[in-house]
Amino acid sequence: MNSWWYEGKKNILTHMSLSTNAAHIVLGILLFLGVAILARRTKHAPALALVCVLLVQVTNEILDCLDWIAWTGRVNWSEAFSDTVYTLALPVLLALSWKHQRQRWAKANTKEQP
C-alpha cells in the first residue's frame, strides 16, 4: 500500500511530466528563488532561502524513508543522498554567487564614495 506522500508526489510528477530527479532540481530552485525574493531586503536572504530548501528536502527524505521502510524494511540511502544532491546543488551555487555578487557591489560602492 502506498502512502499519501508517495501518491501525492506521483500525481504531481505525472501532471508536470518530470522525472523525480528533474523534479528535485526544479523544485529546489523554485523554492530557493521564491524565498530569496520574499526575503530580498534582508542581508541573509540567500542563507534563509537555502535553509528553507534544506528543511523541505530533509522533510521529504524522512517521509520517503518511512515509505521505503514500509515497502522493503530498510532505507534506500543511495536514493536519499542523490535526491538531496539534486535538490541542493543549484541552490547552493546560487547562494554562493549571490553572496559573492553582494560583496562585489559593496566594494564598488565604497570605492565610489569620496
PDB file of N, CA and C in Angstrom:
ATOM      1  N   MET A   1       0.836  -1.191   0.000  1.00  0.00           N
ATOM      2  CA  MET A   1       0.000   0.000   0.000  1.00  0.00           C
ATOM      3  C   MET A   1       0.882   1.256   0.000  1.00  0.00           C
ATOM      4  N   ASN A   2       0.553   2.193  -0.836  1.00  0.00           N
ATOM      5  CA  ASN A   2       1.348   3.413  -0.949  1.00  0.00           C
ATOM      6  C   ASN A   2       0.830   4.482   0.003  1.00  0.00           C
ATOM      7  N   SER A   3       1.744   5.306   0.487  1.00  0.00           N
ATOM      8  CA  SER A   3       1.383   6.369   1.426  1.00  0.00           C
ATOM      9  C   SER A   3       0.786   7.562   0.694  1.00  0.00           C
ATOM     10  N   TRP A   4       0.155   8.431   1.457  1.00  0.00           N
ATOM     11  CA  TRP A   4      -0.389   9.671   0.897  1.00  0.00           C
ATOM     12  C   TRP A   4       0.730  10.515   0.296  1.00  0.00           C
ATOM     13  N   TRP A   5       1.917  10.460   0.904  1.00  0.00           N
ATOM     14  CA  TRP A   5       3.056  11.238   0.415  1.00  0.00           C
ATOM     15  C   TRP A   5       3.498  10.746  -0.961  1.00  0.00           C
ATOM     16  N   TYR A   6       3.631   9.432  -1.079  1.00  0.00           N
ATOM     17  CA  TYR A   6       4.047   8.840  -2.348  1.00  0.00           C
ATOM     18  C   TYR A   6       3.011   9.115  -3.433  1.00  0.00           C
ATOM     19  N   GLU A   7       1.758   8.906  -3.135  1.00  0.00           N
ATOM     20  CA  GLU A   7       0.692   9.117  -4.119  1.00  0.00           C
ATOM     21  C   GLU A   7       0.621  10.589  -4.552  1.00  0.00           C
ATOM     22  N   GLY A   8       0.772  11.499  -3.593  1.00  0.00           N
ATOM     23  CA  GLY A   8       0.749  12.926  -3.920  1.00  0.00           C
ATOM     24  C   GLY A   8       1.883  13.319  -4.842  1.00  0.00           C
ATOM     25  N   LYS A   9       3.089  12.838  -4.527  1.00  0.00           N
ATOM     26  CA  LYS A   9       4.239  13.149  -5.385  1.00  0.00           C
ATOM     27  C   LYS A   9       4.079  12.525  -6.766  1.00  0.00           C
ATOM     28  N   LYS A  10       3.559  11.308  -6.813  1.00  0.00           N
ATOM     29  CA  LYS A  10       3.352  10.646  -8.093  1.00  0.00           C
ATOM     30  C   LYS A  10       2.365  11.428  -8.957  1.00  0.00           C
ATOM     31  N   ASN A  11       1.299  11.928  -8.359  1.00  0.00           N
ATOM     32  CA  ASN A  11       0.320  12.728  -9.110  1.00  0.00           C
ATOM     33  C   ASN A  11       0.926  14.027  -9.620  1.00  0.00           C
ATOM     34  N   ILE A  12       1.703  14.687  -8.788  1.00  0.00           N
ATOM     35  CA  ILE A  12       2.346  15.941  -9.203  1.00  0.00           C
ATOM     36  C   ILE A  12       3.317  15.692 -10.351  1.00  0.00           C
ATOM     37  N   LEU A  13       4.122  14.649 -10.238  1.00  0.00           N
ATOM     38  CA  LEU A  13       5.088  14.338 -11.297  1.00  0.00           C
ATOM     39  C   LEU A  13       4.400  13.984 -12.603  1.00  0.00           C
ATOM     40  N   THR A  14       3.261  13.290 -12.518  1.00  0.00           N
ATOM     41  CA  THR A  14       2.509  12.939 -13.718  1.00  0.00           C
ATOM     42  C   THR A  14       2.007  14.198 -14.415  1.00  0.00           C
ATOM     43  N   HIS A  15       1.495  15.146 -13.648  1.00  0.00           N
ATOM     44  CA  HIS A  15       0.970  16.373 -14.246  1.00  0.00           C
ATOM     45  C   HIS A  15       2.084  17.288 -14.754  1.00  0.00           C
ATOM     46  N   MET A  16       3.242  17.241 -14.132  1.00  0.00           N
ATOM     47  CA  MET A  16       4.353  18.103 -14.553  1.00  0.00           C
ATOM     48  C   MET A  16       5.190  17.467 -15.658  1.00  0.00           C
ATOM     49  N   SER A  17       4.982  16.193 -15.914  1.00  0.00           N
ATOM     50  CA  SER A  17       5.764  15.444 -16.913  1.00  0.00           C
ATOM     51  C   SER A  17       7.264  15.531 -16.626  1.00  0.00           C
ATOM     52  N   LEU A  18       7.626  15.329 -15.364  1.00  0.00           N
ATOM     53  CA  LEU A  18       9.032  15.369 -14.959  1.00  0.00           C
ATOM     54  C   LEU A  18       9.444  14.043 -14.334  1.00  0.00           C
ATOM     55  N   SER A  19      10.724  13.717 -14.488  1.00  0.00           N
ATOM     56  CA  SER A  19      11.277  12.600 -13.734  1.00  0.00           C
ATOM     57  C   SER A  19      11.478  13.051 -12.296  1.00  0.00           C
ATOM     58  N   THR A  20      11.701  12.109 -11.401  1.00  0.00           N
ATOM     59  CA  THR A  20      11.904  12.503  -9.999  1.00  0.00           C
ATOM     60  C   THR A  20      13.159  13.344  -9.841  1.00  0.00           C
ATOM     61  N   ASN A  21      14.217  13.011 -10.580  1.00  0.00           N
ATOM     62  CA  ASN A  21      15.456  13.796 -10.476  1.00  0.00           C
ATOM     63  C   ASN A  21      15.240  15.223 -10.967  1.00  0.00           C
ATOM     64  N   ALA A  22      14.567  15.357 -12.100  1.00  0.00           N
ATOM     65  CA  ALA A  22      14.291  16.695 -12.627  1.00  0.00           C
ATOM     66  C   ALA A  22      13.403  17.477 -11.662  1.00  0.00           C
ATOM     67  N   ALA A  23      12.446  16.807 -11.046  1.00  0.00           N
ATOM     68  CA  ALA A  23      11.559  17.486 -10.096  1.00  0.00           C
ATOM     69  C   ALA A  23      12.348  18.019  -8.904  1.00  0.00           C
ATOM     70  N   HIS A  24      13.323  17.247  -8.408  1.00  0.00           N
ATOM     71  CA  HIS A  24      14.149  17.721  -7.294  1.00  0.00           C
ATOM     72  C   HIS A  24      14.920  18.974  -7.694  1.00  0.00           C
ATOM     73  N   ILE A  25      15.466  18.986  -8.895  1.00  0.00           N
ATOM     74  CA  ILE A  25      16.229  20.142  -9.364  1.00  0.00           C
ATOM     75  C   ILE A  25      15.315  21.361  -9.497  1.00  0.00           C
ATOM     76  N   VAL A  26      14.209  21.196 -10.211  1.00  0.00           N
ATOM     77  CA  VAL A  26      13.306  22.312 -10.479  1.00  0.00           C
ATOM     78  C   VAL A  26      12.690  22.855  -9.192  1.00  0.00           C
ATOM     79  N   LEU A  27      12.170  21.969  -8.353  1.00  0.00           N
ATOM     80  CA  LEU A  27      11.513  22.433  -7.133  1.00  0.00           C
ATOM     81  C   LEU A  27      12.504  23.048  -6.143  1.00  0.00           C
ATOM     82  N   GLY A  28      13.735  22.530  -6.107  1.00  0.00           N
ATOM     83  CA  GLY A  28      14.758  23.136  -5.254  1.00  0.00           C
ATOM     84  C   GLY A  28      15.068  24.564  -5.670  1.00  0.00           C
ATOM     85  N   ILE A  29      15.209  24.784  -6.966  1.00  0.00           N
ATOM     86  CA  ILE A  29      15.481  26.134  -7.472  1.00  0.00           C
ATOM     87  C   ILE A  29      14.286  27.054  -7.254  1.00  0.00           C
ATOM     88  N   LEU A  30      13.083  26.567  -7.565  1.00  0.00           N
ATOM     89  CA  LEU A  30      11.885  27.403  -7.396  1.00  0.00           C
ATOM     90  C   LEU A  30      11.682  27.809  -5.941  1.00  0.00           C
ATOM     91  N   LEU A  31      11.867  26.868  -5.023  1.00  0.00           N
ATOM     92  CA  LEU A  31      11.718  27.199  -3.603  1.00  0.00           C
ATOM     93  C   LEU A  31      12.788  28.200  -3.172  1.00  0.00           C
ATOM     94  N   PHE A  32      14.026  27.969  -3.593  1.00  0.00           N
ATOM     95  CA  PHE A  32      15.112  28.892  -3.254  1.00  0.00           C
ATOM     96  C   PHE A  32      14.797  30.298  -3.749  1.00  0.00           C
ATOM     97  N   LEU A  33      14.451  30.420  -5.023  1.00  0.00           N
ATOM     98  CA  LEU A  33      14.181  31.736  -5.601  1.00  0.00           C
ATOM     99  C   LEU A  33      12.961  32.395  -4.957  1.00  0.00           C
ATOM    100  N   GLY A  34      11.935  31.609  -4.681  1.00  0.00           N
ATOM    101  CA  GLY A  34      10.740  32.163  -4.044  1.00  0.00           C
ATOM    102  C   GLY A  34      11.036  32.760  -2.681  1.00  0.00           C
ATOM    103  N   VAL A  35      11.752  32.014  -1.849  1.00  0.00           N
ATOM    104  CA  VAL A  35      12.090  32.521  -0.509  1.00  0.00           C
ATOM    105  C   VAL A  35      13.074  33.679  -0.613  1.00  0.00           C
ATOM    106  N   ALA A  36      14.051  33.566  -1.506  1.00  0.00           N
ATOM    107  CA  ALA A  36      15.039  34.644  -1.663  1.00  0.00           C
ATOM    108  C   ALA A  36      14.382  35.939  -2.120  1.00  0.00           C
ATOM    109  N   ILE A  37      13.415  35.839  -3.002  1.00  0.00           N
ATOM    110  CA  ILE A  37      12.712  37.045  -3.463  1.00  0.00           C
ATOM    111  C   ILE A  37      11.888  37.644  -2.332  1.00  0.00           C
ATOM    112  N   LEU A  38      11.202  36.798  -1.577  1.00  0.00           N
ATOM    113  CA  LEU A  38      10.403  37.299  -0.450  1.00  0.00           C
ATOM    114  C   LEU A  38      11.282  37.968   0.614  1.00  0.00           C
ATOM    115  N   ALA A  39      12.499  37.451   0.779  1.00  0.00           N
ATOM    116  CA  ALA A  39      13.391  37.970   1.818  1.00  0.00           C
ATOM    117  C   ALA A  39      14.494  38.853   1.251  1.00  0.00           C
ATOM    118  N   ARG A  40      14.325  39.352   0.035  1.00  0.00           N
ATOM    119  CA  ARG A  40      15.411  40.055  -0.663  1.00  0.00           C
ATOM    120  C   ARG A  40      15.917  41.297   0.047  1.00  0.00           C
ATOM    121  N   ARG A  41      15.109  41.905   0.879  1.00  0.00           N
ATOM    122  CA  ARG A  41      15.546  43.126   1.565  1.00  0.00           C
ATOM    123  C   ARG A  41      16.373  42.829   2.825  1.00  0.00           C
ATOM    124  N   THR A  42      16.468  41.570   3.177  1.00  0.00           N
ATOM    125  CA  THR A  42      17.286  41.218   4.337  1.00  0.00           C
ATOM    126  C   THR A  42      18.697  40.873   3.876  1.00  0.00           C
ATOM    127  N   LYS A  43      19.623  41.033   4.776  1.00  0.00           N
ATOM    128  CA  LYS A  43      21.026  40.762   4.459  1.00  0.00           C
ATOM    129  C   LYS A  43      21.270  39.272   4.213  1.00  0.00           C
ATOM    130  N   HIS A  44      20.470  38.438   4.849  1.00  0.00           N
ATOM    131  CA  HIS A  44      20.718  36.994   4.806  1.00  0.00           C
ATOM    132  C   HIS A  44      19.713  36.244   3.935  1.00  0.00           C
ATOM    133  N   ALA A  45      19.173  36.893   2.913  1.00  0.00           N
ATOM    134  CA  ALA A  45      18.170  36.263   2.050  1.00  0.00           C
ATOM    135  C   ALA A  45      18.650  34.938   1.440  1.00  0.00           C
ATOM    136  N   PRO A  46      19.857  34.866   0.879  1.00  0.00           N
ATOM    137  CA  PRO A  46      20.271  33.590   0.294  1.00  0.00           C
ATOM    138  C   PRO A  46      20.421  32.479   1.325  1.00  0.00           C
ATOM    139  N   ALA A  47      20.933  32.823   2.501  1.00  0.00           N
ATOM    140  CA  ALA A  47      21.081  31.809   3.544  1.00  0.00           C
ATOM    141  C   ALA A  47      19.722  31.331   4.026  1.00  0.00           C
ATOM    142  N   LEU A  48      18.804  32.250   4.208  1.00  0.00           N
ATOM    143  CA  LEU A  48      17.454  31.891   4.632  1.00  0.00           C
ATOM    144  C   LEU A  48      16.785  30.998   3.585  1.00  0.00           C
ATOM    145  N   ALA A  49      16.936  31.348   2.325  1.00  0.00           N
ATOM    146  CA  ALA A  49      16.361  30.537   1.247  1.00  0.00           C
ATOM    147  C   ALA A  49      16.976  29.146   1.219  1.00  0.00           C
ATOM    148  N   LEU A  50      18.281  29.072   1.419  1.00  0.00           N
ATOM    149  CA  LEU A  50      18.967  27.779   1.423  1.00  0.00           C
ATOM    150  C   LEU A  50      18.506  26.912   2.591  1.00  0.00           C
ATOM    151  N   VAL A  51      18.332  27.513   3.751  1.00  0.00           N
ATOM    152  CA  VAL A  51      17.851  26.770   4.915  1.00  0.00           C
ATOM    153  C   VAL A  51      16.443  26.241   4.660  1.00  0.00           C
ATOM    154  N   CYS A  52      15.595  27.040   4.032  1.00  0.00           N
ATOM    155  CA  CYS A  52      14.234  26.587   3.710  1.00  0.00           C
ATOM    156  C   CYS A  52      14.264  25.391   2.762  1.00  0.00           C
ATOM    157  N   VAL A  53      15.105  25.456   1.736  1.00  0.00           N
ATOM    158  CA  VAL A  53      15.226  24.330   0.803  1.00  0.00           C
ATOM    159  C   VAL A  53      15.719  23.093   1.545  1.00  0.00           C
ATOM    160  N   LEU A  54      16.696  23.273   2.413  1.00  0.00           N
ATOM    161  CA  LEU A  54      17.226  22.153   3.181  1.00  0.00           C
ATOM    162  C   LEU A  54      16.157  21.535   4.081  1.00  0.00           C
ATOM    163  N   LEU A  55      15.379  22.359   4.769  1.00  0.00           N
ATOM    164  CA  LEU A  55      14.329  21.844   5.653  1.00  0.00           C
ATOM    165  C   LEU A  55      13.260  21.077   4.875  1.00  0.00           C
ATOM    166  N   VAL A  56      12.855  21.609   3.738  1.00  0.00           N
ATOM    167  CA  VAL A  56      11.856  20.915   2.924  1.00  0.00           C
ATOM    168  C   VAL A  56      12.424  19.592   2.405  1.00  0.00           C
ATOM    169  N   GLN A  57      13.680  19.603   1.977  1.00  0.00           N
ATOM    170  CA  GLN A  57      14.298  18.382   1.467  1.00  0.00           C
ATOM    171  C   GLN A  57      14.457  17.336   2.568  1.00  0.00           C
ATOM    172  N   VAL A  58      14.864  17.737   3.744  1.00  0.00           N
ATOM    173  CA  VAL A  58      15.007  16.783   4.855  1.00  0.00           C
ATOM    174  C   VAL A  58      13.645  16.179   5.199  1.00  0.00           C
ATOM    175  N   THR A  59      12.616  17.011   5.234  1.00  0.00           N
ATOM    176  CA  THR A  59      11.264  16.508   5.495  1.00  0.00           C
ATOM    177  C   THR A  59      10.839  15.518   4.414  1.00  0.00           C
ATOM    178  N   ASN A  60      11.098  15.860   3.157  1.00  0.00           N
ATOM    179  CA  ASN A  60      10.791  14.960   2.049  1.00  0.00           C
ATOM    180  C   ASN A  60      11.503  13.624   2.215  1.00  0.00           C
ATOM    181  N   GLU A  61      12.768  13.661   2.550  1.00  0.00           N
ATOM    182  CA  GLU A  61      13.532  12.415   2.680  1.00  0.00           C
ATOM    183  C   GLU A  61      13.097  11.592   3.891  1.00  0.00           C
ATOM    184  N   ILE A  62      12.709  12.241   4.967  1.00  0.00           N
ATOM    185  CA  ILE A  62      12.188  11.491   6.121  1.00  0.00           C
ATOM    186  C   ILE A  62      10.923  10.734   5.718  1.00  0.00           C
ATOM    187  N   LEU A  63      10.032  11.417   5.022  1.00  0.00           N
ATOM    188  CA  LEU A  63       8.806  10.756   4.565  1.00  0.00           C
ATOM    189  C   LEU A  63       9.105   9.658   3.544  1.00  0.00           C
ATOM    190  N   ASP A  64      10.066   9.901   2.647  1.00  0.00           N
ATOM    191  CA  ASP A  64      10.480   8.857   1.704  1.00  0.00           C
ATOM    192  C   ASP A  64      11.077   7.658   2.432  1.00  0.00           C
ATOM    193  N   CYS A  65      11.890   7.913   3.443  1.00  0.00           N
ATOM    194  CA  CYS A  65      12.500   6.825   4.209  1.00  0.00           C
ATOM    195  C   CYS A  65      11.436   5.980   4.909  1.00  0.00           C
ATOM    196  N   LEU A  66      10.413   6.634   5.438  1.00  0.00           N
ATOM    197  CA  LEU A  66       9.322   5.884   6.061  1.00  0.00           C
ATOM    198  C   LEU A  66       8.621   4.997   5.033  1.00  0.00           C
ATOM    199  N   ASP A  67       8.445   5.507   3.816  1.00  0.00           N
ATOM    200  CA  ASP A  67       7.867   4.682   2.749  1.00  0.00           C
ATOM    201  C   ASP A  67       8.765   3.491   2.428  1.00  0.00           C
ATOM    202  N   TRP A  68      10.066   3.741   2.275  1.00  0.00           N
ATOM    203  CA  TRP A  68      10.994   2.648   1.954  1.00  0.00           C
ATOM    204  C   TRP A  68      11.009   1.591   3.044  1.00  0.00           C
ATOM    205  N   ILE A  69      10.961   2.019   4.287  1.00  0.00           N
ATOM    206  CA  ILE A  69      10.939   1.050   5.386  1.00  0.00           C
ATOM    207  C   ILE A  69       9.658   0.211   5.316  1.00  0.00           C
ATOM    208  N   ALA A  70       8.537   0.844   5.016  1.00  0.00           N
ATOM    209  CA  ALA A  70       7.275   0.109   4.904  1.00  0.00           C
ATOM    210  C   ALA A  70       7.305  -0.881   3.735  1.00  0.00           C
ATOM    211  N   TRP A  71       7.959  -0.500   2.629  1.00  0.00           N
ATOM    212  CA  TRP A  71       7.984  -1.357   1.443  1.00  0.00           C
ATOM    213  C   TRP A  71       9.020  -2.467   1.536  1.00  0.00           C
ATOM    214  N   THR A  72      10.229  -2.114   1.996  1.00  0.00           N
ATOM    215  CA  THR A  72      11.338  -3.075   1.918  1.00  0.00           C
ATOM    216  C   THR A  72      11.944  -3.446   3.267  1.00  0.00           C
ATOM    217  N   GLY A  73      11.576  -2.702   4.307  1.00  0.00           N
ATOM    218  CA  GLY A  73      12.162  -2.964   5.619  1.00  0.00           C
ATOM    219  C   GLY A  73      13.475  -2.238   5.848  1.00  0.00           C
ATOM    220  N   ARG A  74      13.895  -1.449   4.893  1.00  0.00           N
ATOM    221  CA  ARG A  74      15.149  -0.695   5.056  1.00  0.00           C
ATOM    222  C   ARG A  74      15.060   0.634   4.320  1.00  0.00           C
ATOM    223  N   VAL A  75      16.016   1.507   4.602  1.00  0.00           N
ATOM    224  CA  VAL A  75      16.089   2.816   3.957  1.00  0.00           C
ATOM    225  C   VAL A  75      16.952   2.701   2.712  1.00  0.00           C
ATOM    226  N   ASN A  76      16.561   3.352   1.656  1.00  0.00           N
ATOM    227  CA  ASN A  76      17.351   3.403   0.433  1.00  0.00           C
ATOM    228  C   ASN A  76      18.253   4.640   0.517  1.00  0.00           C
ATOM    229  N   TRP A  77      19.421   4.469   1.143  1.00  0.00           N
ATOM    230  CA  TRP A  77      20.312   5.603   1.409  1.00  0.00           C
ATOM    231  C   TRP A  77      20.860   6.229   0.141  1.00  0.00           C
ATOM    232  N   SER A  78      21.145   5.415  -0.875  1.00  0.00           N
ATOM    233  CA  SER A  78      21.711   5.989  -2.104  1.00  0.00           C
ATOM    234  C   SER A  78      20.709   6.919  -2.784  1.00  0.00           C
ATOM    235  N   GLU A  79      19.429   6.561  -2.780  1.00  0.00           N
ATOM    236  CA  GLU A  79      18.423   7.440  -3.370  1.00  0.00           C
ATOM    237  C   GLU A  79      18.234   8.699  -2.523  1.00  0.00           C
ATOM    238  N   ALA A  80      18.256   8.544  -1.209  1.00  0.00           N
ATOM    239  CA  ALA A  80      18.116   9.711  -0.333  1.00  0.00           C
ATOM    240  C   ALA A  80      19.265  10.692  -0.566  1.00  0.00           C
ATOM    241  N   PHE A  81      20.472  10.166  -0.713  1.00  0.00           N
ATOM    242  CA  PHE A  81      21.638  11.014  -0.950  1.00  0.00           C
ATOM    243  C   PHE A  81      21.535  11.712  -2.308  1.00  0.00           C
ATOM    244  N   SER A  82      21.220  10.953  -3.362  1.00  0.00           N
ATOM    245  CA  SER A  82      21.159  11.564  -4.693  1.00  0.00           C
ATOM    246  C   SER A  82      20.027  12.587  -4.776  1.00  0.00           C
ATOM    247  N   ASP A  83      18.881  12.309  -4.148  1.00  0.00           N
ATOM    248  CA  ASP A  83      17.788  13.284  -4.129  1.00  0.00           C
ATOM    249  C   ASP A  83      18.230  14.584  -3.461  1.00  0.00           C
ATOM    250  N   THR A  84      18.972  14.462  -2.382  1.00  0.00           N
ATOM    251  CA  THR A  84      19.437  15.636  -1.649  1.00  0.00           C
ATOM    252  C   THR A  84      20.433  16.439  -2.490  1.00  0.00           C
ATOM    253  N   VAL A  85      21.328  15.752  -3.164  1.00  0.00           N
ATOM    254  CA  VAL A  85      22.292  16.441  -4.045  1.00  0.00           C
ATOM    255  C   VAL A  85      21.556  17.161  -5.169  1.00  0.00           C
ATOM    256  N   TYR A  86      20.614  16.477  -5.815  1.00  0.00           N
ATOM    257  CA  TYR A  86      19.851  17.109  -6.899  1.00  0.00           C
ATOM    258  C   TYR A  86      19.106  18.340  -6.404  1.00  0.00           C
ATOM    259  N   THR A  87      18.548  18.270  -5.218  1.00  0.00           N
ATOM    260  CA  THR A  87      17.753  19.378  -4.691  1.00  0.00           C
ATOM    261  C   THR A  87      18.619  20.562  -4.283  1.00  0.00           C
ATOM    262  N   LEU A  88      19.773  20.303  -3.696  1.00  0.00           N
ATOM    263  CA  LEU A  88      20.565  21.379  -3.101  1.00  0.00           C
ATOM    264  C   LEU A  88      21.683  21.928  -3.982  1.00  0.00           C
ATOM    265  N   ALA A  89      22.085  21.218  -5.009  1.00  0.00           N
ATOM    266  CA  ALA A  89      23.263  21.635  -5.783  1.00  0.00           C
ATOM    267  C   ALA A  89      23.126  23.046  -6.357  1.00  0.00           C
ATOM    268  N   LEU A  90      22.096  23.297  -7.124  1.00  0.00           N
ATOM    269  CA  LEU A  90      21.960  24.622  -7.737  1.00  0.00           C
ATOM    270  C   LEU A  90      21.609  25.714  -6.726  1.00  0.00           C
ATOM    271  N   PRO A  91      20.744  25.456  -5.737  1.00  0.00           N
ATOM    272  CA  PRO A  91      20.532  26.496  -4.725  1.00  0.00           C
ATOM    273  C   PRO A  91      21.808  26.885  -3.971  1.00  0.00           C
ATOM    274  N   VAL A  92      22.683  25.927  -3.702  1.00  0.00           N
ATOM    275  CA  VAL A  92      23.957  26.261  -3.040  1.00  0.00           C
ATOM    276  C   VAL A  92      24.794  27.150  -3.954  1.00  0.00           C
ATOM    277  N   LEU A  93      24.870  26.816  -5.236  1.00  0.00           N
ATOM    278  CA  LEU A  93      25.631  27.647  -6.176  1.00  0.00           C
ATOM    279  C   LEU A  93      25.029  29.046  -6.297  1.00  0.00           C
ATOM    280  N   LEU A  94      23.703  29.122  -6.332  1.00  0.00           N
ATOM    281  CA  LEU A  94      23.047  30.433  -6.391  1.00  0.00           C
ATOM    282  C   LEU A  94      23.326  31.253  -5.137  1.00  0.00           C
ATOM    283  N   ALA A  95      23.287  30.618  -3.976  1.00  0.00           N
ATOM    284  CA  ALA A  95      23.549  31.335  -2.719  1.00  0.00           C
ATOM    285  C   ALA A  95      24.984  31.856  -2.677  1.00  0.00           C
ATOM    286  N   LEU A  96      25.934  31.026  -3.100  1.00  0.00           N
ATOM    287  CA  LEU A  96      27.336  31.468  -3.118  1.00  0.00           C
ATOM    288  C   LEU A  96      27.541  32.600  -4.121  1.00  0.00           C
ATOM    289  N   SER A  97      26.921  32.482  -5.274  1.00  0.00           N
ATOM    290  CA  SER A  97      27.022  33.528  -6.288  1.00  0.00           C
ATOM    291  C   SER A  97      26.412  34.830  -5.792  1.00  0.00           C
ATOM    292  N   TRP A  98      25.273  34.737  -5.141  1.00  0.00           N
ATOM    293  CA  TRP A  98      24.589  35.907  -4.591  1.00  0.00           C
ATOM    294  C   TRP A  98      25.484  36.599  -3.566  1.00  0.00           C
ATOM    295  N   LYS A  99      26.091  35.792  -2.683  1.00  0.00           N
ATOM    296  CA  LYS A  99      26.971  36.359  -1.655  1.00  0.00           C
ATOM    297  C   LYS A  99      28.177  37.044  -2.301  1.00  0.00           C
ATOM    298  N   HIS A 100      28.772  36.394  -3.281  1.00  0.00           N
ATOM    299  CA  HIS A 100      29.935  36.954  -3.970  1.00  0.00           C
ATOM    300  C   HIS A 100      29.561  38.261  -4.678  1.00  0.00           C
ATOM    301  N   GLN A 101      28.428  38.269  -5.355  1.00  0.00           N
ATOM    302  CA  GLN A 101      27.990  39.470  -6.065  1.00  0.00           C
ATOM    303  C   GLN A 101      27.709  40.610  -5.095  1.00  0.00           C
ATOM    304  N   ARG A 102      27.096  40.300  -3.959  1.00  0.00           N
ATOM    305  CA  ARG A 102      26.821  41.329  -2.953  1.00  0.00           C
ATOM    306  C   ARG A 102      28.123  41.941  -2.429  1.00  0.00           C
ATOM    307  N   GLN A 103      29.145  41.109  -2.230  1.00  0.00           N
ATOM    308  CA  GLN A 103      30.441  41.613  -1.772  1.00  0.00           C
ATOM    309  C   GLN A 103      31.074  42.514  -2.834  1.00  0.00           C
ATOM    310  N   ARG A 104      30.945  42.144  -4.090  1.00  0.00           N
ATOM    311  CA  ARG A 104      31.489  42.971  -5.173  1.00  0.00           C
ATOM    312  C   ARG A 104      30.788  44.320  -5.231  1.00  0.00           C
ATOM    313  N   TRP A 105      29.459  44.329  -5.072  1.00  0.00           N
ATOM    314  CA  TRP A 105      28.711  45.580  -5.080  1.00  0.00           C
ATOM    315  C   TRP A 105      29.106  46.450  -3.897  1.00  0.00           C
ATOM    316  N   ALA A 106      29.318  45.831  -2.750  1.00  0.00           N
ATOM    317  CA  ALA A 106      29.703  46.600  -1.563  1.00  0.00           C
ATOM    318  C   ALA A 106      31.071  47.242  -1.772  1.00  0.00           C
ATOM    319  N   LYS A 107      32.008  46.511  -2.355  1.00  0.00           N
ATOM    320  CA  LYS A 107      33.334  47.069  -2.632  1.00  0.00           C
ATOM    321  C   LYS A 107      33.251  48.207  -3.643  1.00  0.00           C
ATOM    322  N   ALA A 108      32.464  48.018  -4.669  1.00  0.00           N
ATOM    323  CA  ALA A 108      32.324  49.046  -5.707  1.00  0.00           C
ATOM    324  C   ALA A 108      31.709  50.314  -5.131  1.00  0.00           C
ATOM    325  N   ASN A 109      30.743  50.178  -4.238  1.00  0.00           N
ATOM    326  CA  ASN A 109      30.087  51.338  -3.645  1.00  0.00           C
ATOM    327  C   ASN A 109      31.001  52.074  -2.675  1.00  0.00           C
ATOM    328  N   THR A 110      31.875  51.378  -1.981  1.00  0.00           N
ATOM    329  CA  THR A 110      32.771  52.059  -1.047  1.00  0.00           C
ATOM    330  C   THR A 110      33.889  52.779  -1.799  1.00  0.00           C
ATOM    331  N   LYS A 111      34.289  52.293  -2.952  1.00  0.00           N
ATOM    332  CA  LYS A 111      35.337  52.949  -3.742  1.00  0.00           C
ATOM    333  C   LYS A 111      34.826  54.231  -4.383  1.00  0.00           C
ATOM    334  N   GLU A 112      33.553  54.261  -4.742  1.00  0.00           N
ATOM    335  CA  GLU A 112      32.998  55.426  -5.429  1.00  0.00           C
ATOM    336  C   GLU A 112      32.747  56.599  -4.483  1.00  0.00           C
ATOM    337  N   GLN A 113      32.588  56.352  -3.220  1.00  0.00           N
ATOM    338  CA  GLN A 113      32.294  57.425  -2.275  1.00  0.00           C
ATOM    339  C   GLN A 113      33.557  58.197  -1.938  1.00  0.00           C
ATOM    340  N   PRO A 114      33.468  59.533  -1.908  1.00  0.00           N
ATOM    341  CA  PRO A 114      34.671  60.338  -1.632  1.00  0.00           C
ATOM    342  C   PRO A 114      35.042  60.306  -0.168  1.00  0.00           C
TER     343      PRO A 114
END
